[in-house]
Amino acid sequence: MDGVPALPTRWALARVSGPSMSPTVKHGDRLLVARADRARPGAVVLARFPARPELLVVKRLVGPVEGGWWVEGDNPLVTDDSRAFGPAVVVGRVLLRLAPRPGRLPRSRP
């Protein structure tokens, strides 16, 4: 999508900042991400908002909407997601948590 930068490499490491995806991932968690422009609802992704292309977020896909994907954090009390910024563009799919608790992430909200 125009104006939304892709990930520069095929693989990326991401560090979670903030509580929006708690309890699935927490502040300080390190994630392995694969570059992707597609994913399925329920997946945890790295995304950007066309309205704020400098902001890179870890969120869960809710569903496709006009202009991209509706994404939300797993913590319902934090609304720094599509509820605030509108549709997002998926730039990567989170494959697993590397640290501090290595493992796969659940496909649905806790």
N, C-alpha and C. Protein backbone atom coordinates (compact mmCIF):
# COMPACT_ATOMS: atom_id res chain seq x y z
N MET A 1 0.85 -1.18 0.00
CA MET A 1 0.00 0.00 0.00
C MET A 1 0.89 1.24 0.00
N ASP A 2 0.55 2.22 -0.80
CA ASP A 2 1.34 3.43 -0.92
C ASP A 2 1.47 4.14 0.43
N GLY A 3 2.68 4.58 0.72
CA GLY A 3 2.92 5.34 1.93
C GLY A 3 3.15 4.52 3.18
N VAL A 4 2.98 3.19 3.07
CA VAL A 4 3.19 2.33 4.22
C VAL A 4 4.41 1.46 3.95
N PRO A 5 5.53 1.73 4.64
CA PRO A 5 6.76 0.99 4.37
C PRO A 5 6.66 -0.48 4.77
N ALA A 6 7.19 -1.36 3.92
CA ALA A 6 7.26 -2.78 4.22
C ALA A 6 8.44 -3.04 5.15
N LEU A 7 8.52 -4.25 5.67
CA LEU A 7 9.70 -4.62 6.44
C LEU A 7 10.87 -4.71 5.48
N PRO A 8 12.05 -4.25 5.87
CA PRO A 8 13.19 -4.22 4.96
C PRO A 8 13.82 -5.59 4.69
N THR A 9 13.56 -6.57 5.57
CA THR A 9 14.13 -7.90 5.41
C THR A 9 13.03 -8.95 5.52
N ARG A 10 13.36 -10.18 5.12
CA ARG A 10 12.36 -11.26 5.17
C ARG A 10 11.97 -11.61 6.60
N TRP A 11 12.94 -11.54 7.51
CA TRP A 11 12.71 -11.85 8.92
C TRP A 11 13.03 -10.62 9.76
N ALA A 12 12.35 -10.48 10.86
CA ALA A 12 12.62 -9.35 11.75
C ALA A 12 12.41 -9.78 13.20
N LEU A 13 13.08 -9.10 14.08
CA LEU A 13 12.85 -9.25 15.51
C LEU A 13 12.10 -8.02 15.98
N ALA A 14 11.08 -8.23 16.79
CA ALA A 14 10.31 -7.10 17.31
C ALA A 14 10.28 -7.20 18.82
N ARG A 15 10.36 -6.05 19.47
CA ARG A 15 10.25 -6.00 20.93
C ARG A 15 8.94 -5.29 21.26
N VAL A 16 8.15 -5.91 22.09
CA VAL A 16 6.85 -5.36 22.47
C VAL A 16 7.05 -4.20 23.43
N SER A 17 6.33 -3.12 23.15
CA SER A 17 6.36 -1.95 24.01
C SER A 17 4.93 -1.61 24.39
N GLY A 18 4.62 -1.70 25.66
CA GLY A 18 3.28 -1.36 26.13
C GLY A 18 2.43 -2.57 26.43
N PRO A 19 1.23 -2.33 27.01
CA PRO A 19 0.37 -3.41 27.49
C PRO A 19 -0.77 -3.81 26.56
N SER A 20 -0.81 -3.31 25.33
CA SER A 20 -2.01 -3.51 24.50
C SER A 20 -2.27 -4.96 24.12
N MET A 21 -1.26 -5.82 24.10
CA MET A 21 -1.47 -7.22 23.72
C MET A 21 -1.42 -8.17 24.92
N SER A 22 -1.40 -7.62 26.12
CA SER A 22 -1.38 -8.44 27.33
C SER A 22 -2.74 -9.14 27.47
N PRO A 23 -2.80 -10.39 27.84
CA PRO A 23 -1.75 -11.23 28.38
C PRO A 23 -1.00 -12.08 27.34
N THR A 24 -1.36 -11.99 26.06
CA THR A 24 -0.74 -12.83 25.04
C THR A 24 0.76 -12.55 24.93
N VAL A 25 1.10 -11.29 24.72
CA VAL A 25 2.50 -10.86 24.79
C VAL A 25 2.55 -9.65 25.70
N LYS A 26 3.67 -9.50 26.36
CA LYS A 26 3.80 -8.44 27.36
C LYS A 26 4.94 -7.51 27.01
N HIS A 27 4.93 -6.35 27.64
CA HIS A 27 5.99 -5.36 27.46
C HIS A 27 7.35 -6.03 27.65
N GLY A 28 8.23 -5.84 26.67
CA GLY A 28 9.58 -6.41 26.74
C GLY A 28 9.74 -7.74 26.03
N ASP A 29 8.63 -8.43 25.71
CA ASP A 29 8.75 -9.69 24.97
C ASP A 29 9.43 -9.45 23.63
N ARG A 30 10.19 -10.45 23.18
CA ARG A 30 10.85 -10.38 21.87
C ARG A 30 10.21 -11.41 20.96
N LEU A 31 9.85 -10.97 19.76
CA LEU A 31 9.09 -11.79 18.82
C LEU A 31 9.85 -11.99 17.52
N LEU A 32 9.67 -13.17 16.92
CA LEU A 32 10.19 -13.44 15.58
C LEU A 32 9.06 -13.18 14.59
N VAL A 33 9.34 -12.35 13.59
CA VAL A 33 8.33 -11.93 12.63
C VAL A 33 8.80 -12.26 11.22
N ALA A 34 7.88 -12.78 10.40
CA ALA A 34 8.16 -13.04 8.99
C ALA A 34 7.44 -11.97 8.16
N ARG A 35 8.15 -11.40 7.17
CA ARG A 35 7.52 -10.41 6.30
C ARG A 35 6.32 -11.05 5.62
N ALA A 36 5.21 -10.35 5.61
CA ALA A 36 3.98 -10.87 5.00
C ALA A 36 3.05 -9.72 4.70
N ASP A 37 2.25 -9.89 3.68
CA ASP A 37 1.21 -8.90 3.40
C ASP A 37 -0.17 -9.54 3.53
N ARG A 38 -0.19 -10.83 3.89
CA ARG A 38 -1.45 -11.53 4.09
C ARG A 38 -1.40 -12.33 5.39
N ALA A 39 -2.56 -12.51 5.97
CA ALA A 39 -2.69 -13.34 7.17
C ALA A 39 -4.17 -13.63 7.35
N ARG A 40 -4.47 -14.45 8.32
CA ARG A 40 -5.87 -14.83 8.59
C ARG A 40 -6.36 -14.15 9.86
N PRO A 41 -7.67 -13.92 9.94
CA PRO A 41 -8.22 -13.39 11.20
C PRO A 41 -7.79 -14.27 12.37
N GLY A 42 -7.46 -13.63 13.46
CA GLY A 42 -6.99 -14.33 14.65
C GLY A 42 -5.48 -14.33 14.78
N ALA A 43 -4.77 -14.08 13.67
CA ALA A 43 -3.31 -14.09 13.70
C ALA A 43 -2.78 -12.84 14.40
N VAL A 44 -1.62 -12.98 15.04
CA VAL A 44 -0.93 -11.84 15.64
C VAL A 44 0.05 -11.34 14.58
N VAL A 45 0.00 -10.05 14.29
CA VAL A 45 0.77 -9.49 13.19
C VAL A 45 1.51 -8.22 13.60
N LEU A 46 2.45 -7.85 12.75
CA LEU A 46 3.09 -6.54 12.81
C LEU A 46 2.37 -5.72 11.75
N ALA A 47 1.91 -4.55 12.10
CA ALA A 47 1.12 -3.75 11.17
C ALA A 47 1.46 -2.27 11.28
N ARG A 48 1.07 -1.54 10.25
CA ARG A 48 1.21 -0.08 10.24
C ARG A 48 -0.14 0.51 9.85
N PHE A 49 -0.38 1.71 10.34
CA PHE A 49 -1.60 2.44 9.99
C PHE A 49 -1.26 3.48 8.93
N PRO A 50 -1.98 3.52 7.80
CA PRO A 50 -1.71 4.54 6.78
C PRO A 50 -1.73 5.96 7.35
N ALA A 51 -2.57 6.20 8.35
CA ALA A 51 -2.63 7.53 8.97
C ALA A 51 -1.39 7.82 9.81
N ARG A 52 -0.66 6.76 10.24
CA ARG A 52 0.55 6.91 11.06
C ARG A 52 1.59 5.89 10.61
N PRO A 53 2.13 6.02 9.39
CA PRO A 53 3.03 4.98 8.85
C PRO A 53 4.32 4.79 9.64
N GLU A 54 4.69 5.74 10.48
CA GLU A 54 5.90 5.58 11.29
C GLU A 54 5.67 4.66 12.49
N LEU A 55 4.41 4.39 12.82
CA LEU A 55 4.05 3.57 13.97
C LEU A 55 3.96 2.11 13.56
N LEU A 56 4.77 1.26 14.18
CA LEU A 56 4.76 -0.18 13.93
C LEU A 56 4.16 -0.85 15.16
N VAL A 57 3.09 -1.64 14.97
CA VAL A 57 2.36 -2.19 16.10
C VAL A 57 2.23 -3.70 16.01
N VAL A 58 2.13 -4.35 17.16
CA VAL A 58 1.82 -5.77 17.25
C VAL A 58 0.36 -5.86 17.68
N LYS A 59 -0.47 -6.46 16.83
CA LYS A 59 -1.91 -6.55 17.10
C LYS A 59 -2.46 -7.86 16.57
N ARG A 60 -3.72 -8.15 16.90
CA ARG A 60 -4.41 -9.33 16.40
C ARG A 60 -5.37 -8.92 15.29
N LEU A 61 -5.37 -9.70 14.20
CA LEU A 61 -6.29 -9.41 13.09
C LEU A 61 -7.70 -9.79 13.47
N VAL A 62 -8.63 -8.87 13.25
CA VAL A 62 -10.04 -9.14 13.49
C VAL A 62 -10.71 -9.52 12.18
N GLY A 63 -10.47 -8.74 11.13
CA GLY A 63 -11.04 -9.05 9.83
C GLY A 63 -10.72 -7.98 8.81
N PRO A 64 -10.89 -8.34 7.53
CA PRO A 64 -10.61 -7.35 6.48
C PRO A 64 -11.71 -6.29 6.43
N VAL A 65 -11.31 -5.06 6.15
CA VAL A 65 -12.24 -3.95 5.96
C VAL A 65 -11.75 -3.14 4.77
N GLU A 66 -12.57 -2.24 4.30
CA GLU A 66 -12.13 -1.38 3.20
C GLU A 66 -10.89 -0.60 3.64
N GLY A 67 -9.84 -0.70 2.88
CA GLY A 67 -8.62 0.01 3.20
C GLY A 67 -7.59 -0.80 3.96
N GLY A 68 -7.88 -2.07 4.27
CA GLY A 68 -6.89 -2.89 4.97
C GLY A 68 -7.52 -3.88 5.93
N TRP A 69 -6.95 -3.97 7.12
CA TRP A 69 -7.40 -4.90 8.14
C TRP A 69 -7.81 -4.16 9.41
N TRP A 70 -8.84 -4.67 10.07
CA TRP A 70 -9.19 -4.19 11.40
C TRP A 70 -8.34 -4.97 12.38
N VAL A 71 -7.55 -4.28 13.19
CA VAL A 71 -6.68 -4.92 14.17
C VAL A 71 -6.99 -4.38 15.56
N GLU A 72 -6.88 -5.26 16.54
CA GLU A 72 -7.10 -4.85 17.93
C GLU A 72 -6.11 -5.56 18.82
N GLY A 73 -5.79 -4.92 19.94
CA GLY A 73 -4.96 -5.55 20.95
C GLY A 73 -5.80 -6.51 21.77
N ASP A 74 -5.15 -7.45 22.44
CA ASP A 74 -5.87 -8.41 23.27
C ASP A 74 -6.32 -7.80 24.60
N ASN A 75 -5.74 -6.67 24.98
CA ASN A 75 -6.13 -5.98 26.21
C ASN A 75 -7.23 -4.98 25.85
N PRO A 76 -8.48 -5.25 26.24
CA PRO A 76 -9.59 -4.38 25.83
C PRO A 76 -9.54 -2.97 26.42
N LEU A 77 -8.70 -2.75 27.43
CA LEU A 77 -8.63 -1.44 28.06
C LEU A 77 -7.70 -0.47 27.33
N VAL A 78 -6.91 -0.98 26.38
CA VAL A 78 -5.96 -0.16 25.63
C VAL A 78 -6.46 -0.08 24.19
N THR A 79 -6.67 1.14 23.69
CA THR A 79 -7.30 1.30 22.38
C THR A 79 -6.38 1.92 21.33
N ASP A 80 -5.08 1.63 21.40
CA ASP A 80 -4.17 2.16 20.38
C ASP A 80 -4.11 1.19 19.18
N ASP A 81 -5.28 1.01 18.57
CA ASP A 81 -5.42 0.06 17.47
C ASP A 81 -6.38 0.64 16.45
N SER A 82 -7.09 -0.19 15.68
CA SER A 82 -8.00 0.32 14.65
C SER A 82 -9.13 1.16 15.23
N ARG A 83 -9.44 0.96 16.49
CA ARG A 83 -10.48 1.80 17.12
C ARG A 83 -10.04 3.26 17.17
N ALA A 84 -8.73 3.50 17.21
CA ALA A 84 -8.21 4.87 17.24
C ALA A 84 -7.69 5.33 15.88
N PHE A 85 -7.07 4.41 15.10
CA PHE A 85 -6.35 4.81 13.89
C PHE A 85 -6.94 4.29 12.59
N GLY A 86 -8.02 3.52 12.65
CA GLY A 86 -8.64 2.99 11.44
C GLY A 86 -7.94 1.74 10.93
N PRO A 87 -8.22 1.36 9.67
CA PRO A 87 -7.65 0.14 9.10
C PRO A 87 -6.13 0.17 9.08
N ALA A 88 -5.54 -1.04 9.20
CA ALA A 88 -4.09 -1.19 9.21
C ALA A 88 -3.65 -2.02 8.01
N VAL A 89 -2.36 -1.92 7.70
CA VAL A 89 -1.74 -2.72 6.64
C VAL A 89 -0.80 -3.71 7.32
N VAL A 90 -0.98 -5.00 7.02
CA VAL A 90 -0.13 -6.03 7.59
C VAL A 90 1.23 -5.99 6.90
N VAL A 91 2.31 -5.92 7.69
CA VAL A 91 3.66 -5.96 7.13
C VAL A 91 4.42 -7.21 7.57
N GLY A 92 3.93 -7.90 8.60
CA GLY A 92 4.60 -9.12 9.05
C GLY A 92 3.68 -9.95 9.92
N ARG A 93 3.98 -11.24 9.96
CA ARG A 93 3.22 -12.18 10.78
C ARG A 93 4.12 -12.66 11.91
N VAL A 94 3.63 -12.56 13.15
CA VAL A 94 4.40 -13.00 14.30
C VAL A 94 4.39 -14.53 14.32
N LEU A 95 5.59 -15.13 14.28
CA LEU A 95 5.69 -16.58 14.27
C LEU A 95 5.76 -17.17 15.67
N LEU A 96 6.56 -16.53 16.55
CA LEU A 96 6.66 -17.02 17.91
C LEU A 96 7.35 -16.02 18.81
N ARG A 97 7.20 -16.26 20.10
CA ARG A 97 7.88 -15.44 21.10
C ARG A 97 9.23 -16.09 21.35
N LEU A 98 10.29 -15.30 21.28
CA LEU A 98 11.64 -15.81 21.52
C LEU A 98 12.05 -15.68 22.98
N ALA A 99 11.63 -14.60 23.63
CA ALA A 99 12.02 -14.37 25.02
C ALA A 99 10.99 -13.43 25.66
N PRO A 100 10.79 -13.48 26.93
CA PRO A 100 11.46 -14.32 27.90
C PRO A 100 10.80 -15.69 28.07
N ARG A 101 9.61 -15.91 27.50
CA ARG A 101 8.92 -17.20 27.61
C ARG A 101 8.76 -17.76 26.20
N PRO A 102 9.76 -18.47 25.67
CA PRO A 102 9.70 -18.93 24.28
C PRO A 102 8.48 -19.80 24.01
N GLY A 103 7.90 -19.63 22.82
CA GLY A 103 6.78 -20.47 22.42
C GLY A 103 5.90 -19.81 21.37
N ARG A 104 4.97 -20.60 20.88
CA ARG A 104 4.00 -20.12 19.89
C ARG A 104 2.92 -19.29 20.60
N LEU A 105 2.30 -18.42 19.83
CA LEU A 105 1.24 -17.59 20.38
C LEU A 105 -0.11 -18.22 20.06
N PRO A 106 -1.11 -18.04 20.93
CA PRO A 106 -2.44 -18.61 20.66
C PRO A 106 -3.09 -17.94 19.45
N ARG A 107 -3.89 -18.71 18.70
CA ARG A 107 -4.56 -18.20 17.51
C ARG A 107 -5.81 -17.39 17.84
N SER A 108 -6.20 -17.35 19.08
CA SER A 108 -7.36 -16.55 19.44
C SER A 108 -7.08 -15.81 20.73
N ARG A 109 -7.92 -14.85 21.01
CA ARG A 109 -7.74 -14.05 22.23
C ARG A 109 -7.94 -14.91 23.46
N PRO A 110 -7.18 -14.62 24.49
CA PRO A 110 -7.35 -15.38 25.75
C PRO A 110 -8.66 -15.05 26.42
